[in-house]
Amino acid sequence: MELKFGDKELQVKFNFASLSLWEEKIVDSDGKKQEDSEIFDALFTGLVQKNPRTLVNIINGGLAYLDKDKPTYSEVFDAASDIMGSEGIDKLVQDLMAELTANGFFKGSMKQWINSIERQIKGYDKFFKELKKPAKNAPKEEKERYDNLVQRYNLLKDQSKPLLDEFEKMLKGTGNTL
C-alpha cells in the first residue's frame, strides 16, 4: 500500500518499528503504556469499526520503519483523509487489512485477538447460565441490579459477535488467511 505525501509516494510496511510506535502513541486514559494485547485490541477493533482516528494510527505505525524520514502525524492524518475523501473509508480499511495480513507479521496477534473475543462471548454465555434471577419478593434494588447486569452483558455480547463477523468478511476480501 502506498500513500502520497506531496510529490513522494511512501510504502506502508508493518514490522517491529510499527509496534514500537504504537506502544509509544497508544496509551490508556492515564497516559500509561498498554500491553501488546490491549494495543492490538484497540487497533483491530478500530479497524473493523472503521474508526478514522484508528486508521490514521495504523498507517502511522506502517510508516514507522522510515524512522527520522517518517511524515509527521499531521501529514499522515492529511494523507489518510485524502484517501478517505477520494476512495472512501471502505477502500482504505480493505487496503490496511490486506497489508496487515500480507506478510504475516501481525497474523498471530490477529489470531489472539479473535480468540480473545471468542472467549469473551463464551464467558458471557457462562455468566448468563450461572446468574441467578432474583426471587419475586426480592428488594427492588436487587431486581434493578440484576436487570442492569443482564442489560450490560447483553450489550457486550451483542457487540462482540458482529466484530468477528465483520473481521472475517474483511479478511476474505483480502484473499489472505490467518
N, C-alpha and C. Protein backbone atom coordinates (compact mmCIF):
# COMPACT_ATOMS: atom_id res chain seq x y z
N MET A 1 0.85 -1.17 0.00
CA MET A 1 0.00 0.00 0.00
C MET A 1 0.89 1.24 0.00
N GLU A 2 0.57 2.14 -0.87
CA GLU A 2 1.36 3.37 -0.96
C GLU A 2 0.48 4.57 -0.63
N LEU A 3 1.10 5.56 -0.02
CA LEU A 3 0.43 6.81 0.30
C LEU A 3 1.21 7.95 -0.30
N LYS A 4 0.49 8.96 -0.74
CA LYS A 4 1.12 10.12 -1.35
C LYS A 4 1.29 11.22 -0.30
N PHE A 5 2.51 11.72 -0.22
CA PHE A 5 2.86 12.84 0.66
C PHE A 5 3.54 13.89 -0.21
N GLY A 6 2.76 14.86 -0.65
CA GLY A 6 3.31 15.85 -1.56
C GLY A 6 3.66 15.17 -2.87
N ASP A 7 4.91 15.24 -3.27
CA ASP A 7 5.34 14.60 -4.51
C ASP A 7 5.96 13.21 -4.27
N LYS A 8 5.96 12.77 -3.01
CA LYS A 8 6.54 11.46 -2.67
C LYS A 8 5.45 10.42 -2.45
N GLU A 9 5.73 9.20 -2.88
CA GLU A 9 4.87 8.06 -2.57
C GLU A 9 5.64 7.19 -1.60
N LEU A 10 5.02 6.89 -0.46
CA LEU A 10 5.67 6.08 0.56
C LEU A 10 4.91 4.78 0.75
N GLN A 11 5.68 3.72 0.89
CA GLN A 11 5.13 2.38 1.11
C GLN A 11 4.78 2.21 2.59
N VAL A 12 3.59 1.68 2.87
CA VAL A 12 3.19 1.33 4.24
C VAL A 12 3.65 -0.10 4.48
N LYS A 13 4.46 -0.30 5.53
CA LYS A 13 5.00 -1.62 5.88
C LYS A 13 4.87 -1.80 7.38
N PHE A 14 4.50 -2.99 7.79
CA PHE A 14 4.33 -3.26 9.21
C PHE A 14 5.43 -4.18 9.71
N ASN A 15 6.07 -3.76 10.82
CA ASN A 15 7.16 -4.52 11.41
C ASN A 15 7.32 -4.11 12.88
N PHE A 16 8.45 -4.44 13.49
CA PHE A 16 8.65 -4.10 14.89
C PHE A 16 8.66 -2.60 15.13
N ALA A 17 9.08 -1.82 14.14
CA ALA A 17 9.04 -0.37 14.29
C ALA A 17 7.59 0.10 14.46
N SER A 18 6.66 -0.57 13.78
CA SER A 18 5.23 -0.24 13.93
C SER A 18 4.81 -0.46 15.37
N LEU A 19 5.15 -1.62 15.89
CA LEU A 19 4.77 -1.95 17.26
C LEU A 19 5.38 -0.97 18.26
N SER A 20 6.62 -0.61 18.06
CA SER A 20 7.27 0.35 18.96
C SER A 20 6.56 1.70 18.93
N LEU A 21 6.19 2.14 17.74
CA LEU A 21 5.48 3.42 17.65
C LEU A 21 4.12 3.34 18.32
N TRP A 22 3.39 2.25 18.10
CA TRP A 22 2.07 2.09 18.73
C TRP A 22 2.20 2.03 20.24
N GLU A 23 3.24 1.35 20.74
CA GLU A 23 3.45 1.29 22.19
C GLU A 23 3.63 2.69 22.77
N GLU A 24 4.29 3.54 22.02
CA GLU A 24 4.55 4.90 22.47
C GLU A 24 3.31 5.79 22.35
N LYS A 25 2.56 5.63 21.28
CA LYS A 25 1.47 6.55 20.97
C LYS A 25 0.10 6.13 21.49
N ILE A 26 -0.13 4.83 21.60
CA ILE A 26 -1.45 4.36 22.03
C ILE A 26 -1.37 4.05 23.52
N VAL A 27 -1.89 4.97 24.31
CA VAL A 27 -1.81 4.87 25.76
C VAL A 27 -3.21 4.85 26.35
N ASP A 28 -3.31 4.46 27.62
CA ASP A 28 -4.61 4.44 28.27
C ASP A 28 -5.03 5.86 28.67
N SER A 29 -6.16 5.97 29.33
CA SER A 29 -6.69 7.29 29.69
C SER A 29 -5.80 8.04 30.68
N ASP A 30 -4.93 7.31 31.38
CA ASP A 30 -3.99 7.94 32.31
C ASP A 30 -2.64 8.25 31.67
N GLY A 31 -2.52 7.97 30.36
CA GLY A 31 -1.27 8.24 29.66
C GLY A 31 -0.22 7.15 29.83
N LYS A 32 -0.63 5.99 30.38
CA LYS A 32 0.31 4.89 30.60
C LYS A 32 0.33 3.96 29.40
N LYS A 33 1.52 3.38 29.16
CA LYS A 33 1.66 2.41 28.08
C LYS A 33 0.75 1.22 28.35
N GLN A 34 0.31 0.60 27.26
CA GLN A 34 -0.56 -0.55 27.37
C GLN A 34 0.19 -1.82 26.97
N GLU A 35 -0.36 -2.94 27.37
CA GLU A 35 0.17 -4.24 26.96
C GLU A 35 -0.08 -4.42 25.47
N ASP A 36 0.70 -5.27 24.83
CA ASP A 36 0.51 -5.52 23.40
C ASP A 36 -0.92 -5.93 23.08
N SER A 37 -1.50 -6.81 23.90
CA SER A 37 -2.85 -7.29 23.62
C SER A 37 -3.86 -6.13 23.64
N GLU A 38 -3.66 -5.16 24.53
CA GLU A 38 -4.56 -4.01 24.58
C GLU A 38 -4.36 -3.11 23.37
N ILE A 39 -3.12 -2.99 22.93
CA ILE A 39 -2.83 -2.19 21.73
C ILE A 39 -3.51 -2.83 20.51
N PHE A 40 -3.33 -4.13 20.37
CA PHE A 40 -3.92 -4.82 19.22
C PHE A 40 -5.44 -4.81 19.30
N ASP A 41 -5.99 -4.91 20.50
CA ASP A 41 -7.44 -4.83 20.64
C ASP A 41 -7.93 -3.48 20.13
N ALA A 42 -7.26 -2.41 20.53
CA ALA A 42 -7.64 -1.07 20.08
C ALA A 42 -7.50 -0.94 18.56
N LEU A 43 -6.41 -1.45 18.01
CA LEU A 43 -6.16 -1.32 16.57
C LEU A 43 -7.12 -2.17 15.74
N PHE A 44 -7.25 -3.45 16.09
CA PHE A 44 -8.08 -4.34 15.27
C PHE A 44 -9.56 -4.01 15.42
N THR A 45 -9.98 -3.66 16.64
CA THR A 45 -11.38 -3.27 16.84
C THR A 45 -11.66 -1.99 16.06
N GLY A 46 -10.76 -1.02 16.15
CA GLY A 46 -10.94 0.23 15.42
C GLY A 46 -10.92 0.03 13.92
N LEU A 47 -10.10 -0.91 13.44
CA LEU A 47 -10.06 -1.24 12.02
C LEU A 47 -11.41 -1.79 11.57
N VAL A 48 -11.92 -2.76 12.31
CA VAL A 48 -13.20 -3.38 11.97
C VAL A 48 -14.34 -2.36 12.05
N GLN A 49 -14.28 -1.48 13.03
CA GLN A 49 -15.33 -0.47 13.19
C GLN A 49 -15.12 0.74 12.28
N LYS A 50 -14.04 0.72 11.53
CA LYS A 50 -13.71 1.79 10.57
C LYS A 50 -13.60 3.15 11.26
N ASN A 51 -12.93 3.13 12.40
CA ASN A 51 -12.72 4.36 13.16
C ASN A 51 -11.61 5.16 12.49
N PRO A 52 -11.91 6.37 12.00
CA PRO A 52 -10.90 7.14 11.27
C PRO A 52 -9.61 7.41 12.05
N ARG A 53 -9.71 7.73 13.32
CA ARG A 53 -8.50 8.01 14.10
C ARG A 53 -7.65 6.75 14.22
N THR A 54 -8.29 5.60 14.40
CA THR A 54 -7.55 4.34 14.48
C THR A 54 -6.87 4.04 13.15
N LEU A 55 -7.54 4.30 12.06
CA LEU A 55 -6.95 4.07 10.74
C LEU A 55 -5.69 4.90 10.56
N VAL A 56 -5.75 6.14 11.01
CA VAL A 56 -4.57 7.01 10.94
C VAL A 56 -3.44 6.44 11.82
N ASN A 57 -3.79 5.95 13.00
CA ASN A 57 -2.79 5.35 13.89
C ASN A 57 -2.15 4.12 13.26
N ILE A 58 -2.96 3.32 12.57
CA ILE A 58 -2.42 2.13 11.90
C ILE A 58 -1.45 2.56 10.80
N ILE A 59 -1.87 3.51 9.99
CA ILE A 59 -1.00 3.99 8.91
C ILE A 59 0.28 4.59 9.49
N ASN A 60 0.15 5.38 10.53
CA ASN A 60 1.31 5.99 11.18
C ASN A 60 2.31 4.90 11.59
N GLY A 61 1.80 3.81 12.15
CA GLY A 61 2.67 2.69 12.50
C GLY A 61 3.28 2.02 11.28
N GLY A 62 2.54 2.00 10.19
CA GLY A 62 3.04 1.40 8.95
C GLY A 62 4.14 2.21 8.27
N LEU A 63 4.33 3.44 8.74
CA LEU A 63 5.40 4.29 8.21
C LEU A 63 6.56 4.44 9.20
N ALA A 64 6.44 3.78 10.34
CA ALA A 64 7.46 3.91 11.39
C ALA A 64 8.84 3.42 10.95
N TYR A 65 8.87 2.50 10.00
CA TYR A 65 10.17 1.99 9.52
C TYR A 65 11.02 3.09 8.90
N LEU A 66 10.39 4.20 8.52
CA LEU A 66 11.12 5.32 7.90
C LEU A 66 11.93 6.11 8.92
N ASP A 67 11.69 5.84 10.19
CA ASP A 67 12.40 6.47 11.30
C ASP A 67 12.35 7.99 11.20
N LYS A 68 13.46 8.64 11.04
CA LYS A 68 13.50 10.11 11.03
C LYS A 68 12.87 10.70 9.77
N ASP A 69 12.73 9.91 8.73
CA ASP A 69 12.13 10.38 7.49
C ASP A 69 10.61 10.17 7.45
N LYS A 70 10.06 9.65 8.54
CA LYS A 70 8.62 9.40 8.62
C LYS A 70 7.87 10.72 8.63
N PRO A 71 6.79 10.81 7.87
CA PRO A 71 5.97 12.03 7.93
C PRO A 71 5.43 12.24 9.34
N THR A 72 5.08 13.47 9.65
CA THR A 72 4.51 13.78 10.96
C THR A 72 3.12 13.16 11.05
N TYR A 73 2.61 13.06 12.25
CA TYR A 73 1.26 12.54 12.45
C TYR A 73 0.25 13.38 11.67
N SER A 74 0.44 14.67 11.69
CA SER A 74 -0.46 15.57 10.97
C SER A 74 -0.44 15.29 9.47
N GLU A 75 0.74 15.04 8.92
CA GLU A 75 0.85 14.72 7.49
C GLU A 75 0.19 13.37 7.18
N VAL A 76 0.36 12.40 8.08
CA VAL A 76 -0.28 11.10 7.91
C VAL A 76 -1.80 11.27 7.96
N PHE A 77 -2.26 12.08 8.91
CA PHE A 77 -3.69 12.34 9.05
C PHE A 77 -4.24 12.94 7.76
N ASP A 78 -3.53 13.91 7.20
CA ASP A 78 -3.97 14.55 5.95
C ASP A 78 -3.99 13.56 4.78
N ALA A 79 -2.97 12.72 4.69
CA ALA A 79 -2.90 11.74 3.60
C ALA A 79 -4.05 10.73 3.72
N ALA A 80 -4.31 10.27 4.95
CA ALA A 80 -5.41 9.33 5.17
C ALA A 80 -6.75 10.00 4.85
N SER A 81 -6.89 11.25 5.23
CA SER A 81 -8.12 11.99 4.94
C SER A 81 -8.33 12.12 3.44
N ASP A 82 -7.25 12.36 2.71
CA ASP A 82 -7.34 12.44 1.25
C ASP A 82 -7.85 11.13 0.66
N ILE A 83 -7.31 10.02 1.14
CA ILE A 83 -7.74 8.71 0.64
C ILE A 83 -9.20 8.47 0.99
N MET A 84 -9.58 8.76 2.23
CA MET A 84 -10.97 8.56 2.65
C MET A 84 -11.91 9.41 1.80
N GLY A 85 -11.46 10.61 1.46
CA GLY A 85 -12.28 11.51 0.66
C GLY A 85 -12.40 11.08 -0.79
N SER A 86 -11.31 10.59 -1.36
CA SER A 86 -11.32 10.25 -2.78
C SER A 86 -11.75 8.80 -3.05
N GLU A 87 -11.29 7.88 -2.23
CA GLU A 87 -11.58 6.46 -2.48
C GLU A 87 -12.59 5.87 -1.51
N GLY A 88 -12.83 6.55 -0.40
CA GLY A 88 -13.78 6.06 0.59
C GLY A 88 -13.09 5.30 1.71
N ILE A 89 -13.75 5.29 2.84
CA ILE A 89 -13.18 4.65 4.03
C ILE A 89 -13.11 3.13 3.86
N ASP A 90 -14.08 2.54 3.15
CA ASP A 90 -14.07 1.09 2.96
C ASP A 90 -12.84 0.63 2.19
N LYS A 91 -12.45 1.39 1.19
CA LYS A 91 -11.25 1.05 0.41
C LYS A 91 -10.00 1.15 1.28
N LEU A 92 -9.92 2.19 2.09
CA LEU A 92 -8.77 2.35 2.98
C LEU A 92 -8.69 1.19 3.97
N VAL A 93 -9.83 0.83 4.55
CA VAL A 93 -9.86 -0.27 5.52
C VAL A 93 -9.44 -1.57 4.84
N GLN A 94 -9.94 -1.82 3.65
CA GLN A 94 -9.59 -3.05 2.94
C GLN A 94 -8.11 -3.09 2.60
N ASP A 95 -7.55 -1.96 2.19
CA ASP A 95 -6.12 -1.89 1.89
C ASP A 95 -5.28 -2.13 3.15
N LEU A 96 -5.70 -1.55 4.26
CA LEU A 96 -4.95 -1.76 5.51
C LEU A 96 -5.04 -3.21 5.97
N MET A 97 -6.22 -3.80 5.86
CA MET A 97 -6.39 -5.20 6.25
C MET A 97 -5.50 -6.09 5.37
N ALA A 98 -5.47 -5.81 4.09
CA ALA A 98 -4.64 -6.59 3.18
C ALA A 98 -3.16 -6.45 3.55
N GLU A 99 -2.75 -5.24 3.86
CA GLU A 99 -1.34 -5.01 4.20
C GLU A 99 -0.97 -5.66 5.53
N LEU A 100 -1.87 -5.55 6.51
CA LEU A 100 -1.60 -6.15 7.83
C LEU A 100 -1.50 -7.67 7.76
N THR A 101 -2.22 -8.28 6.83
CA THR A 101 -2.22 -9.74 6.75
C THR A 101 -1.31 -10.29 5.65
N ALA A 102 -0.78 -9.42 4.80
CA ALA A 102 0.01 -9.88 3.65
C ALA A 102 1.30 -10.58 4.05
N ASN A 103 2.07 -9.96 4.91
CA ASN A 103 3.38 -10.55 5.21
C ASN A 103 3.37 -11.41 6.46
N GLY A 104 2.27 -11.45 7.15
CA GLY A 104 2.15 -12.32 8.31
C GLY A 104 2.69 -11.77 9.60
N PHE A 105 3.23 -10.56 9.57
CA PHE A 105 3.87 -10.03 10.77
C PHE A 105 2.91 -9.95 11.96
N PHE A 106 1.65 -9.55 11.71
CA PHE A 106 0.69 -9.42 12.81
C PHE A 106 -0.40 -10.48 12.77
N LYS A 107 -0.24 -11.51 11.96
CA LYS A 107 -1.25 -12.56 11.88
C LYS A 107 -1.46 -13.25 13.23
N GLY A 108 -0.38 -13.52 13.93
CA GLY A 108 -0.50 -14.17 15.25
C GLY A 108 -1.27 -13.29 16.22
N SER A 109 -1.02 -12.00 16.17
CA SER A 109 -1.74 -11.07 17.04
C SER A 109 -3.22 -11.02 16.68
N MET A 110 -3.51 -11.11 15.39
CA MET A 110 -4.91 -11.13 14.96
C MET A 110 -5.61 -12.39 15.45
N LYS A 111 -4.92 -13.51 15.36
CA LYS A 111 -5.50 -14.77 15.85
C LYS A 111 -5.77 -14.68 17.35
N GLN A 112 -4.84 -14.11 18.09
CA GLN A 112 -5.04 -13.95 19.54
C GLN A 112 -6.22 -13.04 19.82
N TRP A 113 -6.38 -11.97 19.04
CA TRP A 113 -7.49 -11.05 19.21
C TRP A 113 -8.82 -11.77 18.97
N ILE A 114 -8.88 -12.56 17.90
CA ILE A 114 -10.09 -13.33 17.59
C ILE A 114 -10.39 -14.31 18.73
N ASN A 115 -9.37 -15.03 19.19
CA ASN A 115 -9.56 -15.99 20.28
C ASN A 115 -10.04 -15.30 21.55
N SER A 116 -9.52 -14.12 21.81
CA SER A 116 -9.92 -13.36 22.99
C SER A 116 -11.40 -12.98 22.93
N ILE A 117 -11.85 -12.54 21.78
CA ILE A 117 -13.27 -12.18 21.64
C ILE A 117 -14.14 -13.42 21.74
N GLU A 118 -13.70 -14.52 21.15
CA GLU A 118 -14.47 -15.76 21.26
C GLU A 118 -14.58 -16.22 22.72
N ARG A 119 -13.48 -16.07 23.48
CA ARG A 119 -13.52 -16.42 24.90
C ARG A 119 -14.47 -15.50 25.66
N GLN A 120 -14.49 -14.22 25.29
CA GLN A 120 -15.40 -13.28 25.94
C GLN A 120 -16.85 -13.71 25.70
N ILE A 121 -17.18 -14.08 24.48
CA ILE A 121 -18.54 -14.50 24.15
C ILE A 121 -18.92 -15.73 24.97
N LYS A 122 -18.01 -16.70 25.04
CA LYS A 122 -18.27 -17.89 25.85
C LYS A 122 -18.43 -17.52 27.33
N GLY A 123 -17.62 -16.57 27.78
CA GLY A 123 -17.72 -16.11 29.16
C GLY A 123 -19.06 -15.46 29.44
N TYR A 124 -19.58 -14.70 28.49
CA TYR A 124 -20.90 -14.08 28.66
C TYR A 124 -21.97 -15.16 28.75
N ASP A 125 -21.87 -16.18 27.89
CA ASP A 125 -22.84 -17.28 27.93
C ASP A 125 -22.80 -17.99 29.28
N LYS A 126 -21.59 -18.25 29.75
CA LYS A 126 -21.44 -18.91 31.06
C LYS A 126 -22.00 -18.03 32.17
N PHE A 127 -21.73 -16.74 32.10
CA PHE A 127 -22.23 -15.80 33.09
C PHE A 127 -23.75 -15.86 33.17
N PHE A 128 -24.42 -15.86 32.01
CA PHE A 128 -25.88 -15.88 32.00
C PHE A 128 -26.43 -17.19 32.55
N LYS A 129 -25.74 -18.29 32.27
CA LYS A 129 -26.19 -19.58 32.78
C LYS A 129 -26.11 -19.63 34.31
N GLU A 130 -25.07 -19.00 34.85
CA GLU A 130 -24.85 -19.05 36.30
C GLU A 130 -25.55 -17.93 37.07
N LEU A 131 -26.02 -16.93 36.37
CA LEU A 131 -26.65 -15.78 37.02
C LEU A 131 -28.02 -16.19 37.56
N LYS A 132 -28.20 -15.95 38.82
CA LYS A 132 -29.45 -16.29 39.48
C LYS A 132 -30.40 -15.10 39.41
N LYS A 133 -31.60 -15.39 38.92
CA LYS A 133 -32.61 -14.35 38.85
C LYS A 133 -33.13 -14.11 40.27
N PRO A 134 -33.33 -12.84 40.63
CA PRO A 134 -33.82 -12.56 41.98
C PRO A 134 -35.23 -13.14 42.20
N ALA A 135 -35.50 -13.50 43.44
CA ALA A 135 -36.81 -14.02 43.79
C ALA A 135 -37.87 -12.94 43.56
N LYS A 136 -39.11 -13.37 43.39
CA LYS A 136 -40.20 -12.42 43.16
C LYS A 136 -40.34 -11.41 44.28
N ASN A 137 -40.01 -11.84 45.48
CA ASN A 137 -40.15 -10.94 46.63
C ASN A 137 -38.83 -10.24 47.01
N ALA A 138 -37.86 -10.30 46.12
CA ALA A 138 -36.56 -9.65 46.38
C ALA A 138 -36.75 -8.14 46.40
N PRO A 139 -35.88 -7.45 47.12
CA PRO A 139 -35.97 -5.98 47.15
C PRO A 139 -35.81 -5.37 45.75
N LYS A 140 -36.42 -4.24 45.57
CA LYS A 140 -36.40 -3.54 44.28
C LYS A 140 -34.96 -3.30 43.80
N GLU A 141 -34.06 -2.92 44.72
CA GLU A 141 -32.67 -2.64 44.36
C GLU A 141 -31.99 -3.88 43.79
N GLU A 142 -32.28 -5.04 44.35
CA GLU A 142 -31.68 -6.29 43.88
C GLU A 142 -32.17 -6.61 42.46
N LYS A 143 -33.46 -6.40 42.21
CA LYS A 143 -34.02 -6.63 40.88
C LYS A 143 -33.42 -5.66 39.87
N GLU A 144 -33.25 -4.41 40.27
CA GLU A 144 -32.66 -3.41 39.38
C GLU A 144 -31.20 -3.74 39.07
N ARG A 145 -30.47 -4.19 40.08
CA ARG A 145 -29.07 -4.57 39.89
C ARG A 145 -28.99 -5.75 38.90
N TYR A 146 -29.88 -6.71 39.06
CA TYR A 146 -29.93 -7.86 38.16
C TYR A 146 -30.23 -7.39 36.73
N ASP A 147 -31.25 -6.56 36.58
CA ASP A 147 -31.63 -6.06 35.25
C ASP A 147 -30.48 -5.28 34.60
N ASN A 148 -29.78 -4.48 35.37
CA ASN A 148 -28.64 -3.72 34.85
C ASN A 148 -27.51 -4.63 34.40
N LEU A 149 -27.23 -5.68 35.18
CA LEU A 149 -26.20 -6.65 34.80
C LEU A 149 -26.57 -7.35 33.50
N VAL A 150 -27.80 -7.80 33.42
CA VAL A 150 -28.25 -8.50 32.22
C VAL A 150 -28.16 -7.58 31.01
N GLN A 151 -28.59 -6.35 31.17
CA GLN A 151 -28.54 -5.39 30.07
C GLN A 151 -27.10 -5.11 29.64
N ARG A 152 -26.21 -4.92 30.62
CA ARG A 152 -24.81 -4.64 30.31
C ARG A 152 -24.14 -5.80 29.59
N TYR A 153 -24.34 -7.02 30.09
CA TYR A 153 -23.68 -8.17 29.47
C TYR A 153 -24.31 -8.52 28.12
N ASN A 154 -25.60 -8.28 27.96
CA ASN A 154 -26.22 -8.48 26.64
C ASN A 154 -25.63 -7.50 25.63
N LEU A 155 -25.43 -6.27 26.05
CA LEU A 155 -24.85 -5.26 25.17
C LEU A 155 -23.43 -5.66 24.76
N LEU A 156 -22.64 -6.09 25.73
CA LEU A 156 -21.27 -6.52 25.43
C LEU A 156 -21.26 -7.70 24.46
N LYS A 157 -22.12 -8.67 24.70
CA LYS A 157 -22.18 -9.84 23.83
C LYS A 157 -22.66 -9.44 22.44
N ASP A 158 -23.66 -8.58 22.39
CA ASP A 158 -24.20 -8.13 21.09
C ASP A 158 -23.16 -7.35 20.28
N GLN A 159 -22.20 -6.75 20.93
CA GLN A 159 -21.15 -6.00 20.23
C GLN A 159 -20.01 -6.91 19.78
N SER A 160 -19.80 -8.01 20.47
CA SER A 160 -18.65 -8.88 20.19
C SER A 160 -18.82 -9.71 18.92
N LYS A 161 -19.92 -10.36 18.76
CA LYS A 161 -20.12 -11.26 17.60
C LYS A 161 -20.04 -10.52 16.28
N PRO A 162 -20.68 -9.35 16.12
CA PRO A 162 -20.54 -8.62 14.85
C PRO A 162 -19.10 -8.22 14.53
N LEU A 163 -18.28 -7.97 15.55
CA LEU A 163 -16.87 -7.66 15.30
C LEU A 163 -16.19 -8.82 14.58
N LEU A 164 -16.43 -10.01 15.09
CA LEU A 164 -15.81 -11.20 14.47
C LEU A 164 -16.34 -11.42 13.06
N ASP A 165 -17.64 -11.25 12.88
CA ASP A 165 -18.23 -11.44 11.56
C ASP A 165 -17.65 -10.45 10.55
N GLU A 166 -17.56 -9.19 10.95
CA GLU A 166 -17.02 -8.16 10.05
C GLU A 166 -15.54 -8.40 9.76
N PHE A 167 -14.79 -8.80 10.77
CA PHE A 167 -13.37 -9.09 10.59
C PHE A 167 -13.20 -10.22 9.56
N GLU A 168 -13.98 -11.27 9.72
CA GLU A 168 -13.90 -12.41 8.80
C GLU A 168 -14.24 -11.97 7.37
N LYS A 169 -15.26 -11.15 7.24
CA LYS A 169 -15.66 -10.64 5.92
C LYS A 169 -14.54 -9.80 5.30
N MET A 170 -13.93 -8.94 6.10
CA MET A 170 -12.84 -8.10 5.62
C MET A 170 -11.64 -8.96 5.22
N LEU A 171 -11.33 -9.96 6.03
CA LEU A 171 -10.20 -10.84 5.74
C LEU A 171 -10.41 -11.59 4.44
N LYS A 172 -11.62 -12.10 4.22
CA LYS A 172 -11.93 -12.80 2.97
C LYS A 172 -11.72 -11.89 1.77
N GLY A 173 -12.04 -10.61 1.94
CA GLY A 173 -11.89 -9.65 0.85
C GLY A 173 -10.43 -9.43 0.45
N THR A 174 -9.51 -9.78 1.32
CA THR A 174 -8.08 -9.58 1.00
C THR A 174 -7.50 -10.76 0.23
N GLY A 175 -8.15 -11.92 0.34
CA GLY A 175 -7.58 -13.12 -0.26
C GLY A 175 -6.51 -13.74 0.60
N ASN A 176 -6.22 -13.15 1.76
CA ASN A 176 -5.22 -13.67 2.70
C ASN A 176 -5.91 -14.52 3.75
N THR A 177 -5.14 -15.31 4.45
CA THR A 177 -5.66 -16.13 5.55
C THR A 177 -4.83 -15.90 6.78
N LEU A 178 -5.39 -16.26 7.92
CA LEU A 178 -4.61 -16.18 9.18
C LEU A 178 -4.04 -17.53 9.52
